[in-house]
Structure formats: C-alpha cells, structure tokens
Amino acid sequence: MRRNAKWLSAARIGLYAFLVISAAFFLLPLYVMLVTSLKGMPEIREGNMLSLPHAPTVAAWVKAWSSACTGLSCNGIQVGFLNSLKILFPSVTMSIAVGAVTGYALSLWRPRGAAWLFGILMAVAFVPYQVFLFPLVRMFSYVGLNSSLPGIIVVHTIFGLPTMTLIFRNYFAGIPLELIKAARVDGAGFWRIFGAIMLPMAVPIIVVAIILQVTGIWNDFIFGLVFAGRENFPMTVQLNNIVNSTQGEREYNVDMAATILTALVPLGVYFISGRWFVRGIAAGAVKG
C-alpha cells in the first residue's frame, strides 16, 4: 500500500501530466502536418484538420520532391536538398576542425586574465549576424565569392567558429594538464597530443558540435538567400519558394510534405545521436 501511495503521489501525477501536455503541445503540429500531407485536396477542404486521412496517398510527397514549383522552375525540392548537402558537409567539417584546434590551443593558454580575454574573444558569438550581412556582401563581391557555393561555405564556417571554439575550449579545459605534460615528457608535440590523445577523448563533444552545426546550417534561411546565389539555394529557400509561389489553388498537402522533407535531416540527426548529445553536454559542454 505504501508503495502504491508513493507511486500515486501528487508530485508524480503532476510531473507526468506536465510531460504529457508538453509532448502533446510539441507533437500536435507534426501530427497535423503529417496527416495533411497524406490527404487529397477534396478531403482537406472538408476542414477536419485533426482527422486521419480516409484514403491515404503519397502523391503530395512525390510532387513536393520532384515537380513542385519553386518560382519559375518546377523541379521540386530535390534541387534544394542536393544544394543543402553540398553546403552542409564542407561547412560542418571545416568549422568543427578549426574550432577544435582553436579550442584546444585556448585551453592550454592560461595566463592571468585569460578568462576575461577569452570572454571578449567569444562575445562575437552573441552578436546578431544580421549586423555583418552588408559588409560581407560588399567584401565577397569584391573578391568574387558572392552568390557562389564557396562563399556560402565560408560564411557558415566563419559564423560557426565562435560557438565551436567555445564548446571545445570548455571541454578540453576540463582535461587534467598532467595528462598533457606526461605526453610532452614522452616527446609528443602539439599535433601529436591533439590527434592521439585529445580527439579520441572528445567524441561526445564532437557529436554535440555536429548536431549543433548540422541543425544550424541545414535550417538556415537568411545566409542561403543572401550568399548562396540562385543556382545554390538551399532547401529552406526552396521551401519558402514552394509555399509562396503557388498559383491557383493552394495545395496545403504539398506544402506540408515539403516542410517535413526539409526537416528530415535534423530530425534524423537528433534521433540517431541524441544519446551522445546528452552525454556530451554532461561531459563538458557547460564546463569552464
């Protein structure tokens, strides 16, 4: 009886009620998007937004992927998907690689007042990036990088560096200096210690960095619109064009299918590596 009374305590009931309500709050939009994408337009016009589809069909998904109009072009969202992949892989790789090396170097640099100086250096991470758009456009136009794939990759790499440097510096700062000193006694240099000792220990924080960068870069809209150029628009820009360039009847099922397709990569990353993300945060992402 006592065990049952403890199980049915007011605090536990309130906790589970809060979790259920929170889950419903966040999952309800996804449910509406999914069931709408599986309905035909006659059924959508009936107005039963929460009802399951009477005759489920993937025609909206096929059209969103291969033939939906993104302005004057009607090649679907697949073009933006390929462009997003071209932008994503080099941007994530370069920002994490440079951020890891820079964070490791800063974790070893501990003069008096280093914490204050590091805070000043990292302040740029919290400056709204819209402030830099016009100067960057002018500079990239001057060097010939504006409206190009290398240009958008450079932009994502630059703006990802402060955050990547911050989390890697905080993680490496939690590793005992004695371990590094012992490696130096054995003759290991900066790069040998970094590659053979620090990186293998940093797998959880690398996963955190990958999740943050993949999510941020894949979901970006403003940088892709300003710097990528018409031939390299990422998936988010193509999605906006699909939703806002409809002529005649607005096909809500196609819009919903295109939206889910755009979100599949970040969702997949979270589902696959969510356990590592929590472990990385607990292991040092908030240390320092």
Protein backbone atom coordinates (compact mmCIF):
# COMPACT_ATOMS: atom_id res chain seq x y z
CA MET A 1 0.00 0.00 0.00
CA ARG A 2 2.81 2.38 0.82
CA ARG A 3 4.48 1.67 -2.50
CA ASN A 4 1.21 2.37 -4.32
CA ALA A 5 0.68 5.55 -2.33
CA LYS A 6 4.20 6.70 -3.24
CA TRP A 7 3.58 5.87 -6.90
CA LEU A 8 0.36 7.90 -6.91
CA SER A 9 1.78 10.89 -5.09
CA ALA A 10 0.58 14.33 -6.18
CA ALA A 11 4.07 15.35 -7.30
CA ARG A 12 4.44 12.32 -9.56
CA ILE A 13 0.98 12.76 -11.06
CA GLY A 14 1.70 16.43 -11.71
CA LEU A 15 5.05 15.57 -13.30
CA TYR A 16 3.54 13.04 -15.70
CA ALA A 17 0.66 15.37 -16.52
CA PHE A 18 3.15 18.11 -17.39
CA LEU A 19 5.18 15.74 -19.58
CA VAL A 20 2.08 14.53 -21.42
CA ILE A 21 0.84 18.08 -22.02
CA SER A 22 4.30 19.20 -23.19
CA ALA A 23 4.62 16.23 -25.54
CA ALA A 24 1.17 16.90 -26.99
CA PHE A 25 1.99 20.58 -27.42
CA PHE A 26 5.11 19.84 -29.48
CA LEU A 27 3.83 16.77 -31.34
CA LEU A 28 0.43 18.13 -32.37
CA PRO A 29 1.82 20.38 -35.17
CA LEU A 30 3.84 17.46 -36.52
CA TYR A 31 0.74 15.26 -36.46
CA VAL A 32 -1.29 17.86 -38.34
CA MET A 33 1.46 18.25 -40.94
CA LEU A 34 1.78 14.51 -41.43
CA VAL A 35 -1.94 13.71 -41.80
CA THR A 36 -2.45 16.75 -44.04
CA SER A 37 0.36 15.63 -46.34
CA LEU A 38 -1.36 12.23 -46.74
CA LYS A 39 -4.74 13.72 -47.70
CA GLY A 40 -6.07 14.84 -51.06
CA MET A 41 -7.26 18.40 -51.53
CA PRO A 42 -11.01 17.48 -51.53
CA GLU A 43 -10.60 15.93 -48.10
CA ILE A 44 -8.55 18.89 -46.81
CA ARG A 45 -11.31 21.29 -47.90
CA GLU A 46 -13.72 19.48 -45.59
CA GLY A 47 -11.94 21.20 -42.71
CA ASN A 48 -11.34 18.16 -40.46
CA MET A 49 -7.76 19.11 -39.71
CA LEU A 50 -7.17 16.53 -36.94
CA SER A 51 -8.89 13.58 -38.61
CA LEU A 52 -6.94 10.73 -40.13
CA PRO A 53 -6.95 10.53 -43.95
CA HIS A 54 -9.78 8.41 -45.36
CA ALA A 55 -7.69 7.33 -48.35
CA PRO A 56 -4.00 7.98 -47.59
CA THR A 57 -1.89 8.94 -50.59
CA VAL A 58 1.75 9.91 -51.08
CA ALA A 59 1.04 11.92 -54.22
CA ALA A 60 1.75 15.18 -52.37
CA TRP A 61 5.13 13.84 -51.25
CA VAL A 62 6.05 12.84 -54.80
CA LYS A 63 5.05 16.24 -56.13
CA ALA A 64 6.85 18.12 -53.35
CA TRP A 65 10.04 16.20 -54.08
CA SER A 66 10.06 16.15 -57.88
CA SER A 67 7.66 18.60 -59.50
CA ALA A 68 6.53 21.37 -57.13
CA CYS A 69 7.23 24.86 -58.46
CA THR A 70 9.87 26.95 -56.70
CA GLY A 71 9.27 30.11 -58.67
CA LEU A 72 9.65 29.62 -62.42
CA SER A 73 11.28 26.23 -62.02
CA CYS A 74 9.13 23.16 -61.29
CA ASN A 75 11.74 20.59 -60.30
CA GLY A 76 10.57 20.13 -56.72
CA ILE A 77 12.52 20.42 -53.52
CA GLN A 78 15.10 17.82 -54.56
CA VAL A 79 17.30 20.56 -56.07
CA GLY A 80 17.44 22.38 -52.74
CA PHE A 81 18.17 19.10 -50.95
CA LEU A 82 21.26 18.48 -53.07
CA ASN A 83 22.38 22.09 -52.64
CA SER A 84 21.97 21.81 -48.87
CA LEU A 85 24.15 18.70 -48.83
CA LYS A 86 26.83 20.49 -50.86
CA ILE A 87 26.79 23.33 -48.34
CA LEU A 88 26.43 21.18 -45.23
CA PHE A 89 29.33 18.71 -45.39
CA PRO A 90 32.24 21.12 -46.00
CA SER A 91 30.80 23.76 -43.66
CA VAL A 92 30.36 21.32 -40.77
CA THR A 93 33.74 19.69 -41.33
CA MET A 94 35.70 22.93 -41.59
CA SER A 95 34.02 24.73 -38.67
CA ILE A 96 34.41 21.76 -36.31
CA ALA A 97 38.01 21.05 -37.36
CA VAL A 98 39.16 24.65 -36.93
CA GLY A 99 37.06 25.14 -33.79
CA ALA A 100 38.50 22.00 -32.18
CA VAL A 101 42.11 23.05 -32.83
CA THR A 102 41.46 26.63 -31.70
CA GLY A 103 39.61 25.48 -28.59
CA TYR A 104 42.43 23.10 -27.70
CA ALA A 105 45.02 25.85 -28.10
CA LEU A 106 43.00 28.25 -25.95
CA SER A 107 42.52 25.61 -23.26
CA LEU A 108 46.31 25.45 -22.87
CA TRP A 109 46.70 29.23 -22.84
CA ARG A 110 46.09 30.21 -19.22
CA PRO A 111 47.83 33.49 -18.38
CA ARG A 112 46.44 35.87 -15.78
CA GLY A 113 43.17 37.34 -17.04
CA ALA A 114 42.78 34.65 -19.70
CA ALA A 115 39.15 34.06 -18.76
CA TRP A 116 38.28 37.72 -19.36
CA LEU A 117 40.17 37.83 -22.64
CA PHE A 118 38.52 34.60 -23.76
CA GLY A 119 35.12 36.06 -22.92
CA ILE A 120 35.87 39.12 -25.04
CA LEU A 121 37.00 36.93 -27.93
CA MET A 122 33.83 34.86 -27.72
CA ALA A 123 31.50 37.88 -27.48
CA VAL A 124 31.19 37.80 -31.26
CA ALA A 125 29.20 34.57 -30.88
CA PHE A 126 26.34 36.58 -29.38
CA VAL A 127 26.37 39.48 -31.85
CA PRO A 128 23.38 39.29 -34.24
CA TYR A 129 24.76 38.12 -37.57
CA GLN A 130 22.44 40.47 -39.45
CA VAL A 131 24.89 43.23 -38.49
CA PHE A 132 27.53 41.64 -40.71
CA LEU A 133 25.40 40.92 -43.79
CA PHE A 134 26.01 44.11 -45.76
CA PRO A 135 29.77 44.32 -45.09
CA LEU A 136 30.15 40.66 -46.03
CA VAL A 137 28.17 41.09 -49.24
CA ARG A 138 30.40 44.01 -50.23
CA MET A 139 33.58 42.14 -49.34
CA PHE A 140 32.53 38.92 -51.08
CA SER A 141 31.53 40.86 -54.19
CA TYR A 142 34.97 42.43 -54.25
CA VAL A 143 36.81 39.08 -54.04
CA GLY A 144 34.36 37.23 -56.33
CA LEU A 145 32.78 34.92 -53.73
CA ASN A 146 29.29 36.39 -53.58
CA SER A 147 26.43 34.21 -54.91
CA SER A 148 28.63 31.13 -55.01
CA LEU A 149 28.94 27.78 -53.25
CA PRO A 150 32.40 28.56 -51.77
CA GLY A 151 31.03 31.87 -50.49
CA ILE A 152 28.15 30.35 -48.50
CA ILE A 153 30.50 27.65 -47.14
CA VAL A 154 32.94 30.31 -45.92
CA VAL A 155 30.10 32.24 -44.27
CA HIS A 156 28.82 29.21 -42.36
CA THR A 157 32.36 28.27 -41.33
CA ILE A 158 33.15 31.76 -40.03
CA PHE A 159 29.93 32.13 -38.07
CA GLY A 160 30.21 28.62 -36.64
CA LEU A 161 33.73 29.15 -35.28
CA PRO A 162 32.90 31.15 -32.11
CA THR A 163 30.46 28.55 -30.81
CA MET A 164 32.66 25.62 -31.84
CA THR A 165 35.71 27.21 -30.22
CA LEU A 166 33.73 27.89 -27.05
CA ILE A 167 32.46 24.35 -26.52
CA PHE A 168 35.78 22.68 -27.42
CA ARG A 169 37.76 25.05 -25.23
CA ASN A 170 35.45 24.36 -22.28
CA TYR A 171 35.68 20.61 -22.86
CA PHE A 172 39.46 20.48 -23.21
CA ALA A 173 39.90 22.80 -20.22
CA GLY A 174 38.31 20.09 -18.06
CA ILE A 175 41.01 17.56 -19.00
CA PRO A 176 43.87 17.46 -16.42
CA LEU A 177 47.02 19.24 -17.54
CA GLU A 178 49.07 16.42 -16.05
CA LEU A 179 47.97 14.18 -18.92
CA ILE A 180 49.29 16.67 -21.47
CA LYS A 181 52.51 17.20 -19.53
CA ALA A 182 53.09 13.45 -19.41
CA ALA A 183 52.68 13.26 -23.18
CA ARG A 184 55.18 16.08 -23.62
CA VAL A 185 57.68 14.25 -21.46
CA ASP A 186 57.31 11.28 -23.82
CA GLY A 187 58.20 13.57 -26.72
CA ALA A 188 54.76 14.28 -28.16
CA GLY A 189 54.22 17.70 -29.71
CA PHE A 190 51.14 19.88 -30.12
CA TRP A 191 49.62 17.99 -33.06
CA ARG A 192 50.52 14.53 -31.75
CA ILE A 193 48.83 15.24 -28.41
CA PHE A 194 45.82 16.73 -30.15
CA GLY A 195 45.37 13.86 -32.62
CA ALA A 196 46.32 10.88 -30.45
CA ILE A 197 45.03 11.93 -27.02
CA MET A 198 42.58 14.83 -27.13
CA LEU A 199 40.42 13.90 -30.13
CA PRO A 200 39.72 10.29 -29.02
CA MET A 201 38.61 11.66 -25.64
CA ALA A 202 36.40 14.29 -27.30
CA VAL A 203 33.98 12.02 -29.17
CA PRO A 204 30.93 13.09 -27.09
CA ILE A 205 31.61 16.79 -27.59
CA ILE A 206 32.31 16.24 -31.30
CA VAL A 207 28.83 14.71 -31.60
CA VAL A 208 27.39 17.75 -29.82
CA ALA A 209 29.23 20.01 -32.25
CA ILE A 210 27.97 18.01 -35.26
CA ILE A 211 24.37 18.21 -34.05
CA LEU A 212 24.60 21.95 -33.42
CA GLN A 213 26.22 22.68 -36.77
CA VAL A 214 24.06 20.36 -38.85
CA THR A 215 20.91 21.81 -37.31
CA GLY A 216 22.04 25.41 -37.64
CA ILE A 217 23.36 25.15 -41.20
CA TRP A 218 20.54 22.96 -42.54
CA ASN A 219 17.84 25.20 -41.05
CA ASP A 220 19.49 28.44 -42.16
CA PHE A 221 17.48 30.67 -44.44
CA ILE A 222 18.97 34.17 -44.45
CA PHE A 223 22.57 33.19 -45.30
CA GLY A 224 21.39 30.87 -48.07
CA LEU A 225 19.16 33.58 -49.51
CA VAL A 226 21.86 36.28 -49.40
CA PHE A 227 25.10 34.44 -50.18
CA ALA A 228 24.33 31.16 -51.99
CA GLY A 229 23.11 32.53 -55.31
CA ARG A 230 20.15 31.39 -57.40
CA GLU A 231 21.88 28.18 -58.53
CA ASN A 232 22.82 27.13 -54.98
CA PHE A 233 19.68 27.92 -52.97
CA PRO A 234 19.44 25.51 -50.01
CA MET A 235 16.36 23.51 -49.14
CA THR A 236 14.93 26.13 -46.78
CA VAL A 237 14.90 28.78 -49.51
CA GLN A 238 13.31 26.31 -51.93
CA LEU A 239 10.66 25.52 -49.33
CA ASN A 240 9.83 29.20 -48.96
CA ASN A 241 9.53 29.47 -52.74
CA ILE A 242 7.18 26.47 -52.88
CA VAL A 243 4.91 27.87 -50.18
CA ASN A 244 4.85 31.43 -51.56
CA SER A 245 4.83 30.87 -55.33
CA THR A 246 1.65 28.80 -55.65
CA GLN A 247 -0.67 29.81 -58.48
CA GLY A 248 -4.34 28.91 -58.43
CA GLU A 249 -5.37 26.52 -55.68
CA ARG A 250 -3.01 26.42 -52.70
CA GLU A 251 -2.00 22.81 -52.20
CA TYR A 252 -1.61 22.52 -48.45
CA ASN A 253 -0.76 18.83 -48.65
CA VAL A 254 2.22 19.59 -50.91
CA ASP A 255 3.34 22.40 -48.60
CA MET A 256 3.20 20.10 -45.57
CA ALA A 257 5.05 17.31 -47.36
CA ALA A 258 7.78 19.71 -48.46
CA THR A 259 8.11 21.04 -44.92
CA ILE A 260 8.54 17.55 -43.45
CA LEU A 261 11.06 16.63 -46.16
CA THR A 262 13.06 19.74 -45.27
CA ALA A 263 13.11 18.81 -41.58
CA LEU A 264 14.03 15.13 -42.03
CA VAL A 265 17.81 15.58 -41.83
CA PRO A 266 17.91 17.48 -38.48
CA LEU A 267 15.30 15.11 -37.04
CA GLY A 268 17.32 12.11 -38.16
CA VAL A 269 20.49 13.51 -36.62
CA TYR A 270 18.75 14.07 -33.30
CA PHE A 271 17.15 10.65 -33.21
CA ILE A 272 20.35 8.83 -34.14
CA SER A 273 22.76 10.73 -31.89
CA GLY A 274 20.51 12.08 -29.14
CA ARG A 275 22.12 9.86 -26.51
CA TRP A 276 25.56 11.15 -27.44
CA PHE A 277 24.28 14.72 -27.36
CA VAL A 278 23.16 14.39 -23.74
CA ARG A 279 26.41 12.66 -22.82
CA GLY A 280 28.48 15.38 -24.46
CA ILE A 281 26.62 18.17 -22.69
CA ALA A 282 27.07 16.42 -19.34
CA ALA A 283 30.72 15.64 -20.06
CA GLY A 284 31.88 19.17 -20.56
CA ALA A 285 29.93 21.39 -22.90
CA VAL A 286 28.99 23.62 -19.99
CA LYS A 287 32.27 23.38 -18.10
CA GLY A 288 34.96 26.01 -17.91
